[in-house]
Amino acid sequence: MREGFKDLKVYKLAYQCANEIFEITKNFPKAERYALTDQIRRSSRSICANIAEGYRKRIYPNHFRSKISDADAECSETLVWLDFSKDCRYIPKEKHEELLNRYQQIGKMLGIMIQNPKKFLPKGH
């Protein structure tokens, strides 16, 4: 059975990465709770939420593009927080590179969605 946005490869990857970030940030210092920890969790989860919102409104290409563009912006923000996490030595360089590569992949997929909104129209539209 199809679940809509949950079937999208980009959604699955973003969701997996957001959950991984949640687990990693459990070990961040308490002093970062309301700064880096909350910011990186929020931006990584927001990618998924924006994909879901955009997919629901995909019959309106401009709205779809706008929400997927928002997801892409959140992806870029997550990259910044990952850099801070590495530079503050909260995550090892190897984990940073792994997540960086996966988020860059997410960004590329979102870019394709923005350029090809008609590909995501429901059947019959």
PDB file of N, CA and C in Angstrom:
ATOM      1  N   MET A   1       0.839  -1.182   0.000  1.00  0.00           N
ATOM      2  CA  MET A   1       0.000   0.000   0.000  1.00  0.00           C
ATOM      3  C   MET A   1       0.885   1.247   0.000  1.00  0.00           C
ATOM      4  N   ARG A   2       0.558   2.192  -0.875  1.00  0.00           N
ATOM      5  CA  ARG A   2       1.321   3.436  -0.969  1.00  0.00           C
ATOM      6  C   ARG A   2       0.949   4.365   0.178  1.00  0.00           C
ATOM      7  N   GLU A   3       1.967   5.024   0.699  1.00  0.00           N
ATOM      8  CA  GLU A   3       1.746   5.953   1.803  1.00  0.00           C
ATOM      9  C   GLU A   3       2.019   7.393   1.403  1.00  0.00           C
ATOM     10  N   GLY A   4       2.139   7.662   0.122  1.00  0.00           N
ATOM     11  CA  GLY A   4       2.362   9.031  -0.307  1.00  0.00           C
ATOM     12  C   GLY A   4       3.783   9.477  -0.062  1.00  0.00           C
ATOM     13  N   PHE A   5       3.937  10.587   0.660  1.00  0.00           N
ATOM     14  CA  PHE A   5       5.259  11.167   0.873  1.00  0.00           C
ATOM     15  C   PHE A   5       6.214  10.206   1.583  1.00  0.00           C
ATOM     16  N   LYS A   6       5.691   9.299   2.384  1.00  0.00           N
ATOM     17  CA  LYS A   6       6.550   8.353   3.094  1.00  0.00           C
ATOM     18  C   LYS A   6       7.221   7.354   2.150  1.00  0.00           C
ATOM     19  N   ASP A   7       6.706   7.248   0.930  1.00  0.00           N
ATOM     20  CA  ASP A   7       7.303   6.371  -0.060  1.00  0.00           C
ATOM     21  C   ASP A   7       8.462   7.033  -0.812  1.00  0.00           C
ATOM     22  N   LEU A   8       8.600   8.333  -0.672  1.00  0.00           N
ATOM     23  CA  LEU A   8       9.653   9.052  -1.380  1.00  0.00           C
ATOM     24  C   LEU A   8      11.022   8.722  -0.799  1.00  0.00           C
ATOM     25  N   LYS A   9      11.972   8.420  -1.676  1.00  0.00           N
ATOM     26  CA  LYS A   9      13.333   8.106  -1.237  1.00  0.00           C
ATOM     27  C   LYS A   9      13.923   9.266  -0.441  1.00  0.00           C
ATOM     28  N   VAL A  10      13.676  10.489  -0.883  1.00  0.00           N
ATOM     29  CA  VAL A  10      14.218  11.664  -0.198  1.00  0.00           C
ATOM     30  C   VAL A  10      13.640  11.790   1.208  1.00  0.00           C
ATOM     31  N   TYR A  11      12.368  11.488   1.374  1.00  0.00           N
ATOM     32  CA  TYR A  11      11.752  11.542   2.696  1.00  0.00           C
ATOM     33  C   TYR A  11      12.371  10.483   3.611  1.00  0.00           C
ATOM     34  N   LYS A  12      12.499   9.276   3.102  1.00  0.00           N
ATOM     35  CA  LYS A  12      13.061   8.193   3.904  1.00  0.00           C
ATOM     36  C   LYS A  12      14.471   8.525   4.373  1.00  0.00           C
ATOM     37  N   LEU A  13      15.284   9.064   3.473  1.00  0.00           N
ATOM     38  CA  LEU A  13      16.662   9.414   3.822  1.00  0.00           C
ATOM     39  C   LEU A  13      16.702  10.565   4.830  1.00  0.00           C
ATOM     40  N   ALA A  14      15.881  11.584   4.610  1.00  0.00           N
ATOM     41  CA  ALA A  14      15.837  12.722   5.533  1.00  0.00           C
ATOM     42  C   ALA A  14      15.354  12.287   6.913  1.00  0.00           C
ATOM     43  N   TYR A  15      14.369  11.410   6.953  1.00  0.00           N
ATOM     44  CA  TYR A  15      13.834  10.922   8.229  1.00  0.00           C
ATOM     45  C   TYR A  15      14.891  10.123   8.981  1.00  0.00           C
ATOM     46  N   GLN A  16      15.581   9.260   8.256  1.00  0.00           N
ATOM     47  CA  GLN A  16      16.656   8.455   8.850  1.00  0.00           C
ATOM     48  C   GLN A  16      17.752   9.361   9.415  1.00  0.00           C
ATOM     49  N   CYS A  17      18.142  10.366   8.657  1.00  0.00           N
ATOM     50  CA  CYS A  17      19.196  11.280   9.106  1.00  0.00           C
ATOM     51  C   CYS A  17      18.746  12.096  10.314  1.00  0.00           C
ATOM     52  N   ALA A  18      17.507  12.556  10.315  1.00  0.00           N
ATOM     53  CA  ALA A  18      16.991  13.328  11.451  1.00  0.00           C
ATOM     54  C   ALA A  18      16.999  12.488  12.723  1.00  0.00           C
ATOM     55  N   ASN A  19      16.634  11.223  12.607  1.00  0.00           N
ATOM     56  CA  ASN A  19      16.665  10.343  13.780  1.00  0.00           C
ATOM     57  C   ASN A  19      18.098  10.083  14.246  1.00  0.00           C
ATOM     58  N   GLU A  20      19.008   9.983  13.297  1.00  0.00           N
ATOM     59  CA  GLU A  20      20.414   9.800  13.652  1.00  0.00           C
ATOM     60  C   GLU A  20      20.953  11.042  14.368  1.00  0.00           C
ATOM     61  N   ILE A  21      20.586  12.209  13.872  1.00  0.00           N
ATOM     62  CA  ILE A  21      20.996  13.451  14.535  1.00  0.00           C
ATOM     63  C   ILE A  21      20.421  13.519  15.948  1.00  0.00           C
ATOM     64  N   PHE A  22      19.188  13.103  16.116  1.00  0.00           N
ATOM     65  CA  PHE A  22      18.590  13.089  17.454  1.00  0.00           C
ATOM     66  C   PHE A  22      19.437  12.250  18.409  1.00  0.00           C
ATOM     67  N   GLU A  23      19.821  11.063  17.952  1.00  0.00           N
ATOM     68  CA  GLU A  23      20.618  10.173  18.811  1.00  0.00           C
ATOM     69  C   GLU A  23      21.989  10.780  19.104  1.00  0.00           C
ATOM     70  N   ILE A  24      22.628  11.335  18.108  1.00  0.00           N
ATOM     71  CA  ILE A  24      23.956  11.929  18.283  1.00  0.00           C
ATOM     72  C   ILE A  24      23.903  13.095  19.262  1.00  0.00           C
ATOM     73  N   THR A  25      22.881  13.922  19.128  1.00  0.00           N
ATOM     74  CA  THR A  25      22.808  15.130  19.957  1.00  0.00           C
ATOM     75  C   THR A  25      22.460  14.844  21.415  1.00  0.00           C
ATOM     76  N   LYS A  26      22.063  13.627  21.722  1.00  0.00           N
ATOM     77  CA  LYS A  26      21.841  13.265  23.123  1.00  0.00           C
ATOM     78  C   LYS A  26      23.134  13.409  23.934  1.00  0.00           C
ATOM     79  N   ASN A  27      24.265  13.331  23.234  1.00  0.00           N
ATOM     80  CA  ASN A  27      25.569  13.425  23.895  1.00  0.00           C
ATOM     81  C   ASN A  27      26.174  14.822  23.853  1.00  0.00           C
ATOM     82  N   PHE A  28      25.471  15.782  23.282  1.00  0.00           N
ATOM     83  CA  PHE A  28      25.982  17.155  23.257  1.00  0.00           C
ATOM     84  C   PHE A  28      25.937  17.723  24.680  1.00  0.00           C
ATOM     85  N   PRO A  29      26.808  18.676  24.975  1.00  0.00           N
ATOM     86  CA  PRO A  29      26.796  19.276  26.319  1.00  0.00           C
ATOM     87  C   PRO A  29      25.463  19.946  26.640  1.00  0.00           C
ATOM     88  N   LYS A  30      25.111  19.933  27.910  1.00  0.00           N
ATOM     89  CA  LYS A  30      23.863  20.569  28.342  1.00  0.00           C
ATOM     90  C   LYS A  30      23.854  22.061  28.020  1.00  0.00           C
ATOM     91  N   ALA A  31      25.013  22.674  27.979  1.00  0.00           N
ATOM     92  CA  ALA A  31      25.109  24.102  27.659  1.00  0.00           C
ATOM     93  C   ALA A  31      24.609  24.392  26.241  1.00  0.00           C
ATOM     94  N   GLU A  32      24.558  23.379  25.390  1.00  0.00           N
ATOM     95  CA  GLU A  32      24.100  23.542  24.002  1.00  0.00           C
ATOM     96  C   GLU A  32      22.616  23.220  23.838  1.00  0.00           C
ATOM     97  N   ARG A  33      21.939  22.846  24.918  1.00  0.00           N
ATOM     98  CA  ARG A  33      20.552  22.392  24.824  1.00  0.00           C
ATOM     99  C   ARG A  33      19.659  23.364  24.060  1.00  0.00           C
ATOM    100  N   TYR A  34      19.722  24.652  24.369  1.00  0.00           N
ATOM    101  CA  TYR A  34      18.821  25.625  23.744  1.00  0.00           C
ATOM    102  C   TYR A  34      19.464  26.335  22.557  1.00  0.00           C
ATOM    103  N   ALA A  35      20.607  25.893  22.173  1.00  0.00           N
ATOM    104  CA  ALA A  35      21.286  26.500  21.025  1.00  0.00           C
ATOM    105  C   ALA A  35      21.475  25.434  19.952  1.00  0.00           C
ATOM    106  N   LEU A  36      22.644  24.894  19.868  1.00  0.00           N
ATOM    107  CA  LEU A  36      22.982  23.960  18.797  1.00  0.00           C
ATOM    108  C   LEU A  36      22.094  22.715  18.778  1.00  0.00           C
ATOM    109  N   THR A  37      21.869  22.116  19.923  1.00  0.00           N
ATOM    110  CA  THR A  37      21.076  20.874  19.967  1.00  0.00           C
ATOM    111  C   THR A  37      19.670  21.093  19.416  1.00  0.00           C
ATOM    112  N   ASP A  38      18.986  22.094  19.924  1.00  0.00           N
ATOM    113  CA  ASP A  38      17.627  22.364  19.448  1.00  0.00           C
ATOM    114  C   ASP A  38      17.610  22.777  17.980  1.00  0.00           C
ATOM    115  N   GLN A  39      18.584  23.573  17.580  1.00  0.00           N
ATOM    116  CA  GLN A  39      18.599  24.064  16.197  1.00  0.00           C
ATOM    117  C   GLN A  39      18.799  22.940  15.189  1.00  0.00           C
ATOM    118  N   ILE A  40      19.759  22.069  15.433  1.00  0.00           N
ATOM    119  CA  ILE A  40      20.028  21.000  14.462  1.00  0.00           C
ATOM    120  C   ILE A  40      18.900  19.969  14.450  1.00  0.00           C
ATOM    121  N   ARG A  41      18.308  19.715  15.602  1.00  0.00           N
ATOM    122  CA  ARG A  41      17.161  18.797  15.631  1.00  0.00           C
ATOM    123  C   ARG A  41      15.992  19.408  14.863  1.00  0.00           C
ATOM    124  N   ARG A  42      15.723  20.684  15.101  1.00  0.00           N
ATOM    125  CA  ARG A  42      14.594  21.350  14.451  1.00  0.00           C
ATOM    126  C   ARG A  42      14.787  21.390  12.936  1.00  0.00           C
ATOM    127  N   SER A  43      15.959  21.825  12.480  1.00  0.00           N
ATOM    128  CA  SER A  43      16.152  21.952  11.028  1.00  0.00           C
ATOM    129  C   SER A  43      16.119  20.595  10.334  1.00  0.00           C
ATOM    130  N   SER A  44      16.707  19.572  10.954  1.00  0.00           N
ATOM    131  CA  SER A  44      16.712  18.247  10.310  1.00  0.00           C
ATOM    132  C   SER A  44      15.302  17.657  10.238  1.00  0.00           C
ATOM    133  N   ARG A  45      14.501  17.883  11.261  1.00  0.00           N
ATOM    134  CA  ARG A  45      13.123  17.387  11.251  1.00  0.00           C
ATOM    135  C   ARG A  45      12.239  18.201  10.315  1.00  0.00           C
ATOM    136  N   SER A  46      12.542  19.476  10.191  1.00  0.00           N
ATOM    137  CA  SER A  46      11.748  20.356   9.340  1.00  0.00           C
ATOM    138  C   SER A  46      11.835  19.968   7.864  1.00  0.00           C
ATOM    139  N   ILE A  47      12.935  19.363   7.475  1.00  0.00           N
ATOM    140  CA  ILE A  47      13.056  18.874   6.098  1.00  0.00           C
ATOM    141  C   ILE A  47      11.914  17.903   5.821  1.00  0.00           C
ATOM    142  N   CYS A  48      11.733  16.959   6.713  1.00  0.00           N
ATOM    143  CA  CYS A  48      10.680  15.947   6.559  1.00  0.00           C
ATOM    144  C   CYS A  48       9.295  16.587   6.554  1.00  0.00           C
ATOM    145  N   ALA A  49       9.066  17.496   7.475  1.00  0.00           N
ATOM    146  CA  ALA A  49       7.749  18.144   7.569  1.00  0.00           C
ATOM    147  C   ALA A  49       7.423  18.930   6.307  1.00  0.00           C
ATOM    148  N   ASN A  50       8.402  19.628   5.756  1.00  0.00           N
ATOM    149  CA  ASN A  50       8.164  20.408   4.536  1.00  0.00           C
ATOM    150  C   ASN A  50       7.935  19.510   3.326  1.00  0.00           C
ATOM    151  N   ILE A  51       8.633  18.381   3.265  1.00  0.00           N
ATOM    152  CA  ILE A  51       8.382  17.423   2.183  1.00  0.00           C
ATOM    153  C   ILE A  51       6.936  16.929   2.277  1.00  0.00           C
ATOM    154  N   ALA A  52       6.498  16.577   3.473  1.00  0.00           N
ATOM    155  CA  ALA A  52       5.126  16.080   3.673  1.00  0.00           C
ATOM    156  C   ALA A  52       4.102  17.144   3.277  1.00  0.00           C
ATOM    157  N   GLU A  53       4.311  18.383   3.716  1.00  0.00           N
ATOM    158  CA  GLU A  53       3.377  19.461   3.375  1.00  0.00           C
ATOM    159  C   GLU A  53       3.343  19.710   1.871  1.00  0.00           C
ATOM    160  N   GLY A  54       4.506  19.756   1.259  1.00  0.00           N
ATOM    161  CA  GLY A  54       4.563  19.992  -0.182  1.00  0.00           C
ATOM    162  C   GLY A  54       3.913  18.875  -0.979  1.00  0.00           C
ATOM    163  N   TYR A  55       4.159  17.657  -0.566  1.00  0.00           N
ATOM    164  CA  TYR A  55       3.598  16.515  -1.275  1.00  0.00           C
ATOM    165  C   TYR A  55       2.077  16.523  -1.216  1.00  0.00           C
ATOM    166  N   ARG A  56       1.535  16.916  -0.091  1.00  0.00           N
ATOM    167  CA  ARG A  56       0.078  16.973   0.068  1.00  0.00           C
ATOM    168  C   ARG A  56      -0.541  17.990  -0.893  1.00  0.00           C
ATOM    169  N   LYS A  57       0.184  19.055  -1.196  1.00  0.00           N
ATOM    170  CA  LYS A  57      -0.310  20.131  -2.063  1.00  0.00           C
ATOM    171  C   LYS A  57       0.301  20.063  -3.468  1.00  0.00           C
ATOM    172  N   ARG A  58       0.729  18.880  -3.871  1.00  0.00           N
ATOM    173  CA  ARG A  58       1.455  18.754  -5.133  1.00  0.00           C
ATOM    174  C   ARG A  58       0.623  19.060  -6.364  1.00  0.00           C
ATOM    175  N   ILE A  59      -0.706  19.112  -6.249  1.00  0.00           N
ATOM    176  CA  ILE A  59      -1.518  19.475  -7.414  1.00  0.00           C
ATOM    177  C   ILE A  59      -1.387  20.972  -7.730  1.00  0.00           C
ATOM    178  N   TYR A  60      -0.786  21.710  -6.813  1.00  0.00           N
ATOM    179  CA  TYR A  60      -0.507  23.132  -7.024  1.00  0.00           C
ATOM    180  C   TYR A  60       1.011  23.293  -7.159  1.00  0.00           C
ATOM    181  N   PRO A  61       1.533  23.265  -8.387  1.00  0.00           N
ATOM    182  CA  PRO A  61       2.992  23.253  -8.588  1.00  0.00           C
ATOM    183  C   PRO A  61       3.743  24.372  -7.863  1.00  0.00           C
ATOM    184  N   ASN A  62       3.194  25.569  -7.811  1.00  0.00           N
ATOM    185  CA  ASN A  62       3.901  26.657  -7.138  1.00  0.00           C
ATOM    186  C   ASN A  62       3.988  26.419  -5.629  1.00  0.00           C
ATOM    187  N   HIS A  63       2.911  25.910  -5.048  1.00  0.00           N
ATOM    188  CA  HIS A  63       2.928  25.608  -3.613  1.00  0.00           C
ATOM    189  C   HIS A  63       3.902  24.457  -3.338  1.00  0.00           C
ATOM    190  N   PHE A  64       3.854  23.444  -4.180  1.00  0.00           N
ATOM    191  CA  PHE A  64       4.760  22.305  -4.065  1.00  0.00           C
ATOM    192  C   PHE A  64       6.210  22.785  -4.090  1.00  0.00           C
ATOM    193  N   ARG A  65       6.542  23.584  -5.098  1.00  0.00           N
ATOM    194  CA  ARG A  65       7.908  24.114  -5.211  1.00  0.00           C
ATOM    195  C   ARG A  65       8.305  24.905  -3.968  1.00  0.00           C
ATOM    196  N   SER A  66       7.395  25.714  -3.475  1.00  0.00           N
ATOM    197  CA  SER A  66       7.681  26.549  -2.308  1.00  0.00           C
ATOM    198  C   SER A  66       8.021  25.693  -1.085  1.00  0.00           C
ATOM    199  N   LYS A  67       7.237  24.665  -0.829  1.00  0.00           N
ATOM    200  CA  LYS A  67       7.476  23.828   0.348  1.00  0.00           C
ATOM    201  C   LYS A  67       8.734  22.982   0.177  1.00  0.00           C
ATOM    202  N   ILE A  68       8.978  22.496  -1.034  1.00  0.00           N
ATOM    203  CA  ILE A  68      10.188  21.710  -1.264  1.00  0.00           C
ATOM    204  C   ILE A  68      11.408  22.631  -1.182  1.00  0.00           C
ATOM    205  N   SER A  69      11.255  23.866  -1.626  1.00  0.00           N
ATOM    206  CA  SER A  69      12.326  24.855  -1.475  1.00  0.00           C
ATOM    207  C   SER A  69      12.596  25.128   0.010  1.00  0.00           C
ATOM    208  N   ASP A  70      11.541  25.191   0.812  1.00  0.00           N
ATOM    209  CA  ASP A  70      11.712  25.343   2.259  1.00  0.00           C
ATOM    210  C   ASP A  70      12.477  24.147   2.833  1.00  0.00           C
ATOM    211  N   ALA A  71      12.149  22.954   2.367  1.00  0.00           N
ATOM    212  CA  ALA A  71      12.862  21.755   2.818  1.00  0.00           C
ATOM    213  C   ALA A  71      14.341  21.850   2.457  1.00  0.00           C
ATOM    214  N   ASP A  72      14.619  22.347   1.256  1.00  0.00           N
ATOM    215  CA  ASP A  72      16.004  22.504   0.815  1.00  0.00           C
ATOM    216  C   ASP A  72      16.744  23.529   1.678  1.00  0.00           C
ATOM    217  N   ALA A  73      16.068  24.601   2.044  1.00  0.00           N
ATOM    218  CA  ALA A  73      16.675  25.614   2.916  1.00  0.00           C
ATOM    219  C   ALA A  73      16.990  25.016   4.286  1.00  0.00           C
ATOM    220  N   GLU A  74      16.093  24.208   4.812  1.00  0.00           N
ATOM    221  CA  GLU A  74      16.326  23.545   6.100  1.00  0.00           C
ATOM    222  C   GLU A  74      17.485  22.555   5.997  1.00  0.00           C
ATOM    223  N   CYS A  75      17.617  21.936   4.839  1.00  0.00           N
ATOM    224  CA  CYS A  75      18.735  21.029   4.598  1.00  0.00           C
ATOM    225  C   CYS A  75      20.054  21.812   4.663  1.00  0.00           C
ATOM    226  N   SER A  76      20.079  22.966   4.020  1.00  0.00           N
ATOM    227  CA  SER A  76      21.279  23.809   4.067  1.00  0.00           C
ATOM    228  C   SER A  76      21.583  24.252   5.490  1.00  0.00           C
ATOM    229  N   GLU A  77      20.554  24.606   6.237  1.00  0.00           N
ATOM    230  CA  GLU A  77      20.755  25.007   7.632  1.00  0.00           C
ATOM    231  C   GLU A  77      21.339  23.850   8.442  1.00  0.00           C
ATOM    232  N   THR A  78      20.851  22.660   8.199  1.00  0.00           N
ATOM    233  CA  THR A  78      21.364  21.492   8.911  1.00  0.00           C
ATOM    234  C   THR A  78      22.849  21.299   8.625  1.00  0.00           C
ATOM    235  N   LEU A  79      23.265  21.568   7.387  1.00  0.00           N
ATOM    236  CA  LEU A  79      24.685  21.464   7.040  1.00  0.00           C
ATOM    237  C   LEU A  79      25.528  22.423   7.881  1.00  0.00           C
ATOM    238  N   VAL A  80      25.025  23.616   8.108  1.00  0.00           N
ATOM    239  CA  VAL A  80      25.743  24.593   8.930  1.00  0.00           C
ATOM    240  C   VAL A  80      25.885  24.088  10.362  1.00  0.00           C
ATOM    241  N   TRP A  81      24.780  23.563  10.919  1.00  0.00           N
ATOM    242  CA  TRP A  81      24.837  23.057  12.291  1.00  0.00           C
ATOM    243  C   TRP A  81      25.754  21.845  12.401  1.00  0.00           C
ATOM    244  N   LEU A  82      25.818  21.047  11.358  1.00  0.00           N
ATOM    245  CA  LEU A  82      26.765  19.923  11.357  1.00  0.00           C
ATOM    246  C   LEU A  82      28.200  20.423  11.398  1.00  0.00           C
ATOM    247  N   ASP A  83      28.479  21.490  10.655  1.00  0.00           N
ATOM    248  CA  ASP A  83      29.829  22.078  10.686  1.00  0.00           C
ATOM    249  C   ASP A  83      30.177  22.571  12.088  1.00  0.00           C
ATOM    250  N   PHE A  84      29.242  23.269  12.726  1.00  0.00           N
ATOM    251  CA  PHE A  84      29.485  23.728  14.096  1.00  0.00           C
ATOM    252  C   PHE A  84      29.708  22.546  15.029  1.00  0.00           C
ATOM    253  N   SER A  85      28.924  21.496  14.838  1.00  0.00           N
ATOM    254  CA  SER A  85      29.052  20.314  15.694  1.00  0.00           C
ATOM    255  C   SER A  85      30.435  19.684  15.570  1.00  0.00           C
ATOM    256  N   LYS A  86      30.935  19.638  14.357  1.00  0.00           N
ATOM    257  CA  LYS A  86      32.289  19.091  14.138  1.00  0.00           C
ATOM    258  C   LYS A  86      33.339  20.023  14.721  1.00  0.00           C
ATOM    259  N   ASP A  87      33.233  21.316  14.423  1.00  0.00           N
ATOM    260  CA  ASP A  87      34.249  22.268  14.869  1.00  0.00           C
ATOM    261  C   ASP A  87      34.282  22.430  16.388  1.00  0.00           C
ATOM    262  N   CYS A  88      33.153  22.199  17.042  1.00  0.00           N
ATOM    263  CA  CYS A  88      33.113  22.220  18.517  1.00  0.00           C
ATOM    264  C   CYS A  88      33.519  20.867  19.102  1.00  0.00           C
ATOM    265  N   ARG A  89      33.845  19.931  18.240  1.00  0.00           N
ATOM    266  CA  ARG A  89      34.275  18.580  18.610  1.00  0.00           C
ATOM    267  C   ARG A  89      33.193  17.771  19.319  1.00  0.00           C
ATOM    268  N   TYR A  90      31.955  17.988  18.901  1.00  0.00           N
ATOM    269  CA  TYR A  90      30.846  17.204  19.448  1.00  0.00           C
ATOM    270  C   TYR A  90      30.596  15.949  18.617  1.00  0.00           C
ATOM    271  N   ILE A  91      31.014  16.006  17.351  1.00  0.00           N
ATOM    272  CA  ILE A  91      30.925  14.810  16.505  1.00  0.00           C
ATOM    273  C   ILE A  91      32.280  14.627  15.814  1.00  0.00           C
ATOM    274  N   PRO A  92      32.678  13.379  15.591  1.00  0.00           N
ATOM    275  CA  PRO A  92      33.957  13.138  14.920  1.00  0.00           C
ATOM    276  C   PRO A  92      33.900  13.518  13.441  1.00  0.00           C
ATOM    277  N   LYS A  93      35.047  13.808  12.892  1.00  0.00           N
ATOM    278  CA  LYS A  93      35.160  14.225  11.495  1.00  0.00           C
ATOM    279  C   LYS A  93      34.512  13.199  10.550  1.00  0.00           C
ATOM    280  N   GLU A  94      34.699  11.917  10.832  1.00  0.00           N
ATOM    281  CA  GLU A  94      34.159  10.864   9.963  1.00  0.00           C
ATOM    282  C   GLU A  94      32.626  10.900   9.935  1.00  0.00           C
ATOM    283  N   LYS A  95      32.017  11.072  11.114  1.00  0.00           N
ATOM    284  CA  LYS A  95      30.550  11.138  11.193  1.00  0.00           C
ATOM    285  C   LYS A  95      30.052  12.399  10.498  1.00  0.00           C
ATOM    286  N   HIS A  96      30.784  13.499  10.661  1.00  0.00           N
ATOM    287  CA  HIS A  96      30.438  14.750   9.993  1.00  0.00           C
ATOM    288  C   HIS A  96      30.429  14.550   8.483  1.00  0.00           C
ATOM    289  N   GLU A  97      31.478  13.943   7.944  1.00  0.00           N
ATOM    290  CA  GLU A  97      31.571  13.715   6.496  1.00  0.00           C
ATOM    291  C   GLU A  97      30.462  12.807   6.005  1.00  0.00           C
ATOM    292  N   GLU A  98      30.148  11.775   6.771  1.00  0.00           N
ATOM    293  CA  GLU A  98      29.072  10.847   6.405  1.00  0.00           C
ATOM    294  C   GLU A  98      27.729  11.585   6.322  1.00  0.00           C
ATOM    295  N   LEU A  99      27.414  12.345   7.358  1.00  0.00           N
ATOM    296  CA  LEU A  99      26.150  13.084   7.370  1.00  0.00           C
ATOM    297  C   LEU A  99      26.142  14.185   6.314  1.00  0.00           C
ATOM    298  N   LEU A 100      27.268  14.849   6.136  1.00  0.00           N
ATOM    299  CA  LEU A 100      27.382  15.888   5.114  1.00  0.00           C
ATOM    300  C   LEU A 100      27.049  15.312   3.743  1.00  0.00           C
ATOM    301  N   ASN A 101      27.613  14.166   3.427  1.00  0.00           N
ATOM    302  CA  ASN A 101      27.353  13.525   2.136  1.00  0.00           C
ATOM    303  C   ASN A 101      25.885  13.155   1.973  1.00  0.00           C
ATOM    304  N   ARG A 102      25.275  12.640   3.023  1.00  0.00           N
ATOM    305  CA  ARG A 102      23.869  12.254   2.941  1.00  0.00           C
ATOM    306  C   ARG A 102      22.964  13.473   2.795  1.00  0.00           C
ATOM    307  N   TYR A 103      23.279  14.557   3.518  1.00  0.00           N
ATOM    308  CA  TYR A 103      22.473  15.776   3.384  1.00  0.00           C
ATOM    309  C   TYR A 103      22.685  16.448   2.029  1.00  0.00           C
ATOM    310  N   GLN A 104      23.866  16.334   1.476  1.00  0.00           N
ATOM    311  CA  GLN A 104      24.076  16.852   0.116  1.00  0.00           C
ATOM    312  C   GLN A 104      23.261  16.043  -0.892  1.00  0.00           C
ATOM    313  N   GLN A 105      23.158  14.754  -0.671  1.00  0.00           N
ATOM    314  CA  GLN A 105      22.323  13.898  -1.518  1.00  0.00           C
ATOM    315  C   GLN A 105      20.849  14.315  -1.394  1.00  0.00           C
ATOM    316  N   ILE A 106      20.408  14.576  -0.181  1.00  0.00           N
ATOM    317  CA  ILE A 106      19.036  15.044   0.040  1.00  0.00           C
ATOM    318  C   ILE A 106      18.809  16.345  -0.713  1.00  0.00           C
ATOM    319  N   GLY A 107      19.743  17.268  -0.610  1.00  0.00           N
ATOM    320  CA  GLY A 107      19.637  18.546  -1.312  1.00  0.00           C
ATOM    321  C   GLY A 107      19.522  18.376  -2.821  1.00  0.00           C
ATOM    322  N   LYS A 108      20.274  17.467  -3.383  1.00  0.00           N
ATOM    323  CA  LYS A 108      20.200  17.201  -4.827  1.00  0.00           C
ATOM    324  C   LYS A 108      18.829  16.648  -5.211  1.00  0.00           C
ATOM    325  N   MET A 109      18.318  15.736  -4.404  1.00  0.00           N
ATOM    326  CA  MET A 109      16.999  15.170  -4.693  1.00  0.00           C
ATOM    327  C   MET A 109      15.915  16.241  -4.594  1.00  0.00           C
ATOM    328  N   LEU A 110      16.025  17.107  -3.596  1.00  0.00           N
ATOM    329  CA  LEU A 110      15.048  18.189  -3.457  1.00  0.00           C
ATOM    330  C   LEU A 110      15.142  19.142  -4.651  1.00  0.00           C
ATOM    331  N   GLY A 111      16.346  19.402  -5.124  1.00  0.00           N
ATOM    332  CA  GLY A 111      16.530  20.252  -6.300  1.00  0.00           C
ATOM    333  C   GLY A 111      15.841  19.678  -7.528  1.00  0.00           C
ATOM    334  N   ILE A 112      15.933  18.379  -7.704  1.00  0.00           N
ATOM    335  CA  ILE A 112      15.258  17.714  -8.825  1.00  0.00           C
ATOM    336  C   ILE A 112      13.747  17.850  -8.684  1.00  0.00           C
ATOM    337  N   MET A 113      13.245  17.728  -7.469  1.00  0.00           N
ATOM    338  CA  MET A 113      11.803  17.870  -7.230  1.00  0.00           C
ATOM    339  C   MET A 113      11.339  19.290  -7.562  1.00  0.00           C
ATOM    340  N   ILE A 114      12.138  20.268  -7.188  1.00  0.00           N
ATOM    341  CA  ILE A 114      11.793  21.666  -7.462  1.00  0.00           C
ATOM    342  C   ILE A 114      11.747  21.914  -8.968  1.00  0.00           C
ATOM    343  N   GLN A 115      12.669  21.322  -9.699  1.00  0.00           N
ATOM    344  CA  GLN A 115      12.741  21.515 -11.141  1.00  0.00           C
ATOM    345  C   GLN A 115      11.681  20.721 -11.914  1.00  0.00           C
ATOM    346  N   ASN A 116      11.145  19.681 -11.300  1.00  0.00           N
ATOM    347  CA  ASN A 116      10.200  18.780 -11.987  1.00  0.00           C
ATOM    348  C   ASN A 116       8.937  18.526 -11.176  1.00  0.00           C
ATOM    349  N   PRO A 117       8.195  19.562 -10.805  1.00  0.00           N
ATOM    350  CA  PRO A 117       7.022  19.348  -9.941  1.00  0.00           C
ATOM    351  C   PRO A 117       5.942  18.481 -10.588  1.00  0.00           C
ATOM    352  N   LYS A 118       5.820  18.522 -11.914  1.00  0.00           N
ATOM    353  CA  LYS A 118       4.765  17.749 -12.586  1.00  0.00           C
ATOM    354  C   LYS A 118       4.975  16.246 -12.444  1.00  0.00           C
ATOM    355  N   LYS A 119       6.219  15.840 -12.227  1.00  0.00           N
ATOM    356  CA  LYS A 119       6.519  14.421 -12.041  1.00  0.00           C
ATOM    357  C   LYS A 119       5.828  13.866 -10.790  1.00  0.00           C
ATOM    358  N   PHE A 120       5.466  14.740  -9.866  1.00  0.00           N
ATOM    359  CA  PHE A 120       4.903  14.309  -8.589  1.00  0.00           C
ATOM    360  C   PHE A 120       3.394  14.498  -8.502  1.00  0.00           C
ATOM    361  N   LEU A 121       2.786  14.914  -9.601  1.00  0.00           N
ATOM    362  CA  LEU A 121       1.326  15.064  -9.630  1.00  0.00           C
ATOM    363  C   LEU A 121       0.647  13.719  -9.406  1.00  0.00           C
ATOM    364  N   PRO A 122      -0.494  13.709  -8.739  1.00  0.00           N
ATOM    365  CA  PRO A 122      -1.251  12.461  -8.600  1.00  0.00           C
ATOM    366  C   PRO A 122      -1.718  11.981  -9.977  1.00  0.00           C
ATOM    367  N   LYS A 123      -1.930  10.711 -10.103  1.00  0.00           N
ATOM    368  CA  LYS A 123      -2.422  10.164 -11.379  1.00  0.00           C
ATOM    369  C   LYS A 123      -3.748  10.833 -11.737  1.00  0.00           C
ATOM    370  N   GLY A 124      -3.890  11.165 -13.008  1.00  0.00           N
ATOM    371  CA  GLY A 124      -5.120  11.780 -13.488  1.00  0.00           C
ATOM    372  C   GLY A 124      -5.082  13.316 -13.496  1.00  0.00           C
ATOM    373  N   HIS A 125      -3.983  13.905 -13.070  1.00  0.00           N
ATOM    374  CA  HIS A 125      -3.885  15.371 -13.085  1.00  0.00           C
ATOM    375  C   HIS A 125      -2.911  15.836 -14.149  1.00  0.00           C
TER     376      HIS A 125
END
